[in-house]
Amino acid sequence: MRTNFRLIVSMLIISIFMVVPVVEAQSGPQQGASLTLPTVGVETSIVTAPLTSTTWDVSQLGEQVGHLEGTSWLNTPGNIVLGGHSEDIYGNPAVFSALYDLELGDPVVMSENGVIRRYIVTEIQFVAFDDLRPIYPTTHEQVTLLTCAVGTFNQSINNYDERLVVIARPVPPLPAPIRELFIDFGWLPEA
């Protein structure tokens, strides 16, 4: 009994004087964050799409992509959700109209502050406009790109009936000898 008491008191004293740094996860993109979809010619900046009561405000995105506030971000496990317009208010193609040309295996590249993250497209699907499953948190790292499905605008509700969802998973690191070979051939940057 006395040994347990000493152990508890010792642990309490240590915990009082122990300084534990608190590192908060980054909540969203910093200035200069970008998204590149090289196979379809998209290179754009990523900004925050703020959560406003029950939805995200994407009205100011223009040709940028919005990180849906509250979803995961780089350096934290989970579902990084990026939204962009497939067409502008006049029906012209917008930044995410190119999602229709992506195929399984295509690269998705995100960068911020000189750090580059590479992903590969693993799923492409259409979902109902009100289906929230694509933005649910995940235990694994992934990037979810979503946009309104062209041709599904419903004038009676002034909204789209469907969304196009593209999911990409991280590219596993290459073994050192293969990475060096790829760098030698110019297929990968040296950094």
C-alpha atoms as a PDB file:
ATOM      1  CA  MET A   1       0.000   0.000   0.000  1.00  0.00           C
ATOM      2  CA  ARG A   2       2.765   2.407   0.993  1.00  0.00           C
ATOM      3  CA  THR A   3       4.703   1.585  -2.216  1.00  0.00           C
ATOM      4  CA  ASN A   4       1.662   2.414  -4.356  1.00  0.00           C
ATOM      5  CA  PHE A   5       1.248   5.713  -2.504  1.00  0.00           C
ATOM      6  CA  ARG A   6       4.903   6.649  -3.140  1.00  0.00           C
ATOM      7  CA  LEU A   7       4.574   5.712  -6.795  1.00  0.00           C
ATOM      8  CA  ILE A   8       1.454   7.838  -7.211  1.00  0.00           C
ATOM      9  CA  VAL A   9       3.011  10.833  -5.425  1.00  0.00           C
ATOM     10  CA  SER A  10       6.210  10.502  -7.484  1.00  0.00           C
ATOM     11  CA  MET A  11       4.261  10.389 -10.732  1.00  0.00           C
ATOM     12  CA  LEU A  12       2.212  13.401  -9.665  1.00  0.00           C
ATOM     13  CA  ILE A  13       5.342  15.437  -8.865  1.00  0.00           C
ATOM     14  CA  ILE A  14       6.984  14.452 -12.155  1.00  0.00           C
ATOM     15  CA  SER A  15       3.874  15.344 -14.137  1.00  0.00           C
ATOM     16  CA  ILE A  16       3.644  18.777 -12.478  1.00  0.00           C
ATOM     17  CA  PHE A  17       7.196  19.717 -13.447  1.00  0.00           C
ATOM     18  CA  MET A  18       7.325  17.962 -16.764  1.00  0.00           C
ATOM     19  CA  VAL A  19       7.020  20.290 -19.724  1.00  0.00           C
ATOM     20  CA  VAL A  20       5.287  18.681 -22.663  1.00  0.00           C
ATOM     21  CA  PRO A  21       5.256  20.710 -25.863  1.00  0.00           C
ATOM     22  CA  VAL A  22       1.848  20.996 -27.424  1.00  0.00           C
ATOM     23  CA  VAL A  23       1.841  20.835 -31.197  1.00  0.00           C
ATOM     24  CA  GLU A  24      -1.411  21.788 -32.798  1.00  0.00           C
ATOM     25  CA  ALA A  25      -2.301  20.269 -36.131  1.00  0.00           C
ATOM     26  CA  GLN A  26      -2.421  22.762 -38.942  1.00  0.00           C
ATOM     27  CA  SER A  27      -6.043  23.474 -39.700  1.00  0.00           C
ATOM     28  CA  GLY A  28      -5.738  24.424 -43.336  1.00  0.00           C
ATOM     29  CA  PRO A  29      -3.619  25.678 -46.184  1.00  0.00           C
ATOM     30  CA  GLN A  30      -1.077  28.415 -45.780  1.00  0.00           C
ATOM     31  CA  GLN A  31      -0.485  31.003 -48.461  1.00  0.00           C
ATOM     32  CA  GLY A  32       1.225  29.396 -51.426  1.00  0.00           C
ATOM     33  CA  ALA A  33      -0.382  25.957 -51.064  1.00  0.00           C
ATOM     34  CA  SER A  34      -1.119  24.435 -54.454  1.00  0.00           C
ATOM     35  CA  LEU A  35      -2.721  21.509 -56.231  1.00  0.00           C
ATOM     36  CA  THR A  36      -1.420  20.049 -59.478  1.00  0.00           C
ATOM     37  CA  LEU A  37      -3.137  17.434 -61.626  1.00  0.00           C
ATOM     38  CA  PRO A  38      -0.398  17.007 -64.253  1.00  0.00           C
ATOM     39  CA  THR A  39      -2.194  14.580 -66.580  1.00  0.00           C
ATOM     40  CA  VAL A  40      -5.083  17.016 -67.120  1.00  0.00           C
ATOM     41  CA  GLY A  41      -3.158  20.306 -66.988  1.00  0.00           C
ATOM     42  CA  VAL A  42      -4.488  21.710 -63.706  1.00  0.00           C
ATOM     43  CA  GLU A  43      -2.237  23.833 -61.509  1.00  0.00           C
ATOM     44  CA  THR A  44      -3.994  26.071 -59.013  1.00  0.00           C
ATOM     45  CA  SER A  45      -3.742  27.523 -55.544  1.00  0.00           C
ATOM     46  CA  ILE A  46      -5.549  26.116 -52.526  1.00  0.00           C
ATOM     47  CA  VAL A  47      -7.420  28.469 -50.201  1.00  0.00           C
ATOM     48  CA  THR A  48      -9.697  27.826 -47.242  1.00  0.00           C
ATOM     49  CA  ALA A  49     -13.401  27.314 -47.937  1.00  0.00           C
ATOM     50  CA  PRO A  50     -14.874  28.410 -44.594  1.00  0.00           C
ATOM     51  CA  LEU A  51     -17.598  26.433 -42.875  1.00  0.00           C
ATOM     52  CA  THR A  52     -20.673  28.616 -42.440  1.00  0.00           C
ATOM     53  CA  SER A  53     -23.282  26.991 -40.165  1.00  0.00           C
ATOM     54  CA  THR A  54     -24.337  24.009 -42.331  1.00  0.00           C
ATOM     55  CA  THR A  55     -22.185  24.195 -45.462  1.00  0.00           C
ATOM     56  CA  TRP A  56     -18.944  25.555 -46.913  1.00  0.00           C
ATOM     57  CA  ASP A  57     -18.745  28.909 -48.642  1.00  0.00           C
ATOM     58  CA  VAL A  58     -17.299  28.207 -52.089  1.00  0.00           C
ATOM     59  CA  SER A  59     -18.730  31.332 -53.695  1.00  0.00           C
ATOM     60  CA  GLN A  60     -15.358  33.110 -53.819  1.00  0.00           C
ATOM     61  CA  LEU A  61     -13.243  30.250 -55.182  1.00  0.00           C
ATOM     62  CA  GLY A  62     -13.200  31.274 -58.836  1.00  0.00           C
ATOM     63  CA  GLU A  63     -10.373  29.259 -60.431  1.00  0.00           C
ATOM     64  CA  GLN A  64      -8.922  28.278 -57.065  1.00  0.00           C
ATOM     65  CA  VAL A  65      -9.566  25.116 -55.092  1.00  0.00           C
ATOM     66  CA  GLY A  66     -10.994  25.301 -51.579  1.00  0.00           C
ATOM     67  CA  HIS A  67      -9.872  23.171 -48.651  1.00  0.00           C
ATOM     68  CA  LEU A  68     -13.096  22.425 -46.777  1.00  0.00           C
ATOM     69  CA  GLU A  69     -12.495  23.869 -43.333  1.00  0.00           C
ATOM     70  CA  GLY A  70     -12.622  21.229 -40.616  1.00  0.00           C
ATOM     71  CA  THR A  71     -11.370  18.393 -42.795  1.00  0.00           C
ATOM     72  CA  SER A  72      -7.863  17.043 -42.398  1.00  0.00           C
ATOM     73  CA  TRP A  73      -4.806  18.816 -43.753  1.00  0.00           C
ATOM     74  CA  LEU A  74      -1.215  17.946 -44.595  1.00  0.00           C
ATOM     75  CA  ASN A  75       0.792  16.309 -41.805  1.00  0.00           C
ATOM     76  CA  THR A  76      -2.327  14.976 -40.104  1.00  0.00           C
ATOM     77  CA  PRO A  77      -3.916  11.622 -40.883  1.00  0.00           C
ATOM     78  CA  GLY A  78      -7.364  11.691 -42.392  1.00  0.00           C
ATOM     79  CA  ASN A  79      -9.411  12.915 -45.307  1.00  0.00           C
ATOM     80  CA  ILE A  80      -8.170  16.138 -46.931  1.00  0.00           C
ATOM     81  CA  VAL A  81     -11.209  17.419 -48.831  1.00  0.00           C
ATOM     82  CA  LEU A  82     -10.736  19.906 -51.674  1.00  0.00           C
ATOM     83  CA  GLY A  83     -13.652  21.371 -53.594  1.00  0.00           C
ATOM     84  CA  GLY A  84     -13.677  23.312 -56.831  1.00  0.00           C
ATOM     85  CA  HIS A  85     -16.145  24.474 -59.446  1.00  0.00           C
ATOM     86  CA  SER A  86     -16.700  22.337 -62.541  1.00  0.00           C
ATOM     87  CA  GLU A  87     -18.344  25.230 -64.367  1.00  0.00           C
ATOM     88  CA  ASP A  88     -18.795  28.940 -63.808  1.00  0.00           C
ATOM     89  CA  ILE A  89     -22.121  30.762 -63.484  1.00  0.00           C
ATOM     90  CA  TYR A  90     -22.322  30.977 -67.289  1.00  0.00           C
ATOM     91  CA  GLY A  91     -21.812  27.239 -67.796  1.00  0.00           C
ATOM     92  CA  ASN A  92     -18.206  27.576 -68.977  1.00  0.00           C
ATOM     93  CA  PRO A  93     -15.617  25.027 -67.791  1.00  0.00           C
ATOM     94  CA  ALA A  94     -13.963  25.916 -64.475  1.00  0.00           C
ATOM     95  CA  VAL A  95     -10.928  24.583 -62.589  1.00  0.00           C
ATOM     96  CA  PHE A  96     -12.398  21.169 -61.712  1.00  0.00           C
ATOM     97  CA  SER A  97     -13.995  20.503 -65.104  1.00  0.00           C
ATOM     98  CA  ALA A  98     -10.771  18.575 -65.763  1.00  0.00           C
ATOM     99  CA  LEU A  99     -11.663  16.017 -63.068  1.00  0.00           C
ATOM    100  CA  TYR A 100     -13.750  14.293 -65.739  1.00  0.00           C
ATOM    101  CA  ASP A 101     -10.543  13.462 -67.609  1.00  0.00           C
ATOM    102  CA  LEU A 102      -8.745  11.895 -64.635  1.00  0.00           C
ATOM    103  CA  GLU A 103      -8.242   8.142 -64.663  1.00  0.00           C
ATOM    104  CA  LEU A 104      -7.325   5.598 -62.022  1.00  0.00           C
ATOM    105  CA  GLY A 105      -3.580   5.770 -61.408  1.00  0.00           C
ATOM    106  CA  ASP A 106      -3.223   9.447 -62.362  1.00  0.00           C
ATOM    107  CA  PRO A 107      -1.050  11.591 -60.071  1.00  0.00           C
ATOM    108  CA  VAL A 108      -2.341  14.260 -57.690  1.00  0.00           C
ATOM    109  CA  VAL A 109       0.308  16.592 -56.263  1.00  0.00           C
ATOM    110  CA  MET A 110      -0.116  18.981 -53.342  1.00  0.00           C
ATOM    111  CA  SER A 111       2.581  21.352 -52.149  1.00  0.00           C
ATOM    112  CA  GLU A 112       2.984  23.830 -49.344  1.00  0.00           C
ATOM    113  CA  ASN A 113       6.083  25.672 -48.140  1.00  0.00           C
ATOM    114  CA  GLY A 114       8.324  23.639 -50.441  1.00  0.00           C
ATOM    115  CA  VAL A 115       7.007  20.300 -49.184  1.00  0.00           C
ATOM    116  CA  ILE A 116       5.549  18.150 -51.952  1.00  0.00           C
ATOM    117  CA  ARG A 117       3.013  15.381 -51.329  1.00  0.00           C
ATOM    118  CA  ARG A 118       2.264  12.892 -54.091  1.00  0.00           C
ATOM    119  CA  TYR A 119      -0.941  10.897 -54.346  1.00  0.00           C
ATOM    120  CA  ILE A 120      -2.431   8.539 -56.907  1.00  0.00           C
ATOM    121  CA  VAL A 121      -6.088   8.373 -57.988  1.00  0.00           C
ATOM    122  CA  THR A 122      -7.670   5.207 -56.575  1.00  0.00           C
ATOM    123  CA  GLU A 123     -11.425   5.880 -56.916  1.00  0.00           C
ATOM    124  CA  ILE A 124     -13.725   7.909 -59.153  1.00  0.00           C
ATOM    125  CA  GLN A 125     -17.442   7.984 -58.425  1.00  0.00           C
ATOM    126  CA  PHE A 126     -20.633   9.987 -58.715  1.00  0.00           C
ATOM    127  CA  VAL A 127     -22.746  10.521 -55.601  1.00  0.00           C
ATOM    128  CA  ALA A 128     -26.002  12.271 -54.809  1.00  0.00           C
ATOM    129  CA  PHE A 129     -25.559  15.954 -54.005  1.00  0.00           C
ATOM    130  CA  ASP A 130     -26.560  15.434 -50.366  1.00  0.00           C
ATOM    131  CA  ASP A 131     -24.396  12.314 -49.837  1.00  0.00           C
ATOM    132  CA  LEU A 132     -21.849  13.372 -47.221  1.00  0.00           C
ATOM    133  CA  ARG A 133     -19.895  10.111 -47.078  1.00  0.00           C
ATOM    134  CA  PRO A 134     -17.064  11.408 -49.319  1.00  0.00           C
ATOM    135  CA  ILE A 135     -16.195  14.082 -46.748  1.00  0.00           C
ATOM    136  CA  TYR A 136     -16.322  11.841 -43.671  1.00  0.00           C
ATOM    137  CA  PRO A 137     -13.091  11.602 -41.669  1.00  0.00           C
ATOM    138  CA  THR A 138     -10.866   8.608 -42.374  1.00  0.00           C
ATOM    139  CA  THR A 139      -8.196   6.892 -40.305  1.00  0.00           C
ATOM    140  CA  HIS A 140      -5.856   6.802 -43.300  1.00  0.00           C
ATOM    141  CA  GLU A 141      -4.444   9.668 -45.325  1.00  0.00           C
ATOM    142  CA  GLN A 142      -6.291  10.485 -48.525  1.00  0.00           C
ATOM    143  CA  VAL A 143      -7.220  13.453 -50.684  1.00  0.00           C
ATOM    144  CA  THR A 144     -10.818  13.797 -51.833  1.00  0.00           C
ATOM    145  CA  LEU A 145     -11.489  16.106 -54.777  1.00  0.00           C
ATOM    146  CA  LEU A 146     -15.116  17.005 -55.300  1.00  0.00           C
ATOM    147  CA  THR A 147     -17.125  19.097 -57.692  1.00  0.00           C
ATOM    148  CA  CYS A 148     -20.660  19.448 -58.966  1.00  0.00           C
ATOM    149  CA  ALA A 149     -21.469  16.977 -61.735  1.00  0.00           C
ATOM    150  CA  VAL A 150     -21.846  18.805 -65.042  1.00  0.00           C
ATOM    151  CA  GLY A 151     -25.239  18.241 -66.635  1.00  0.00           C
ATOM    152  CA  THR A 152     -27.058  17.591 -63.356  1.00  0.00           C
ATOM    153  CA  PHE A 153     -28.103  21.161 -62.512  1.00  0.00           C
ATOM    154  CA  ASN A 154     -31.685  21.108 -61.251  1.00  0.00           C
ATOM    155  CA  GLN A 155     -33.385  24.478 -61.769  1.00  0.00           C
ATOM    156  CA  SER A 156     -36.286  23.604 -59.471  1.00  0.00           C
ATOM    157  CA  ILE A 157     -33.919  23.468 -56.468  1.00  0.00           C
ATOM    158  CA  ASN A 158     -31.261  25.789 -57.955  1.00  0.00           C
ATOM    159  CA  ASN A 159     -28.582  23.195 -57.287  1.00  0.00           C
ATOM    160  CA  TYR A 160     -26.889  20.136 -58.751  1.00  0.00           C
ATOM    161  CA  ASP A 161     -28.291  16.631 -58.257  1.00  0.00           C
ATOM    162  CA  GLU A 162     -24.893  14.892 -58.238  1.00  0.00           C
ATOM    163  CA  ARG A 163     -21.236  15.402 -57.377  1.00  0.00           C
ATOM    164  CA  LEU A 164     -18.142  13.935 -58.970  1.00  0.00           C
ATOM    165  CA  VAL A 165     -15.770  12.541 -56.327  1.00  0.00           C
ATOM    166  CA  VAL A 166     -12.127  11.621 -56.961  1.00  0.00           C
ATOM    167  CA  ILE A 167     -10.168   9.937 -54.166  1.00  0.00           C
ATOM    168  CA  ALA A 168      -6.377   9.731 -54.161  1.00  0.00           C
ATOM    169  CA  ARG A 169      -4.088   7.878 -51.757  1.00  0.00           C
ATOM    170  CA  PRO A 170      -0.431   8.639 -50.928  1.00  0.00           C
ATOM    171  CA  VAL A 171       2.224   7.239 -53.221  1.00  0.00           C
ATOM    172  CA  PRO A 172       4.395   4.886 -51.164  1.00  0.00           C
ATOM    173  CA  PRO A 173       8.039   5.942 -50.890  1.00  0.00           C
ATOM    174  CA  LEU A 174      10.438   4.361 -53.360  1.00  0.00           C
ATOM    175  CA  PRO A 175      13.365   2.272 -52.148  1.00  0.00           C
ATOM    176  CA  ALA A 176      16.573   4.353 -52.218  1.00  0.00           C
ATOM    177  CA  PRO A 177      18.231   2.606 -55.225  1.00  0.00           C
ATOM    178  CA  ILE A 178      15.118   2.978 -57.377  1.00  0.00           C
ATOM    179  CA  ARG A 179      14.642   6.586 -56.262  1.00  0.00           C
ATOM    180  CA  GLU A 180      18.271   7.378 -57.228  1.00  0.00           C
ATOM    181  CA  LEU A 181      17.748   5.762 -60.626  1.00  0.00           C
ATOM    182  CA  PHE A 182      14.575   7.813 -61.198  1.00  0.00           C
ATOM    183  CA  ILE A 183      16.449  10.993 -60.223  1.00  0.00           C
ATOM    184  CA  ASP A 184      19.307  10.101 -62.599  1.00  0.00           C
ATOM    185  CA  PHE A 185      16.824   9.725 -65.467  1.00  0.00           C
ATOM    186  CA  GLY A 186      15.136  13.011 -64.540  1.00  0.00           C
ATOM    187  CA  TRP A 187      11.863  11.324 -63.634  1.00  0.00           C
ATOM    188  CA  LEU A 188      11.981  12.705 -60.080  1.00  0.00           C
ATOM    189  CA  PRO A 189      13.361  15.965 -58.703  1.00  0.00           C
ATOM    190  CA  GLU A 190      16.423  15.729 -56.475  1.00  0.00           C
ATOM    191  CA  ALA A 191      14.657  17.232 -53.460  1.00  0.00           C
END
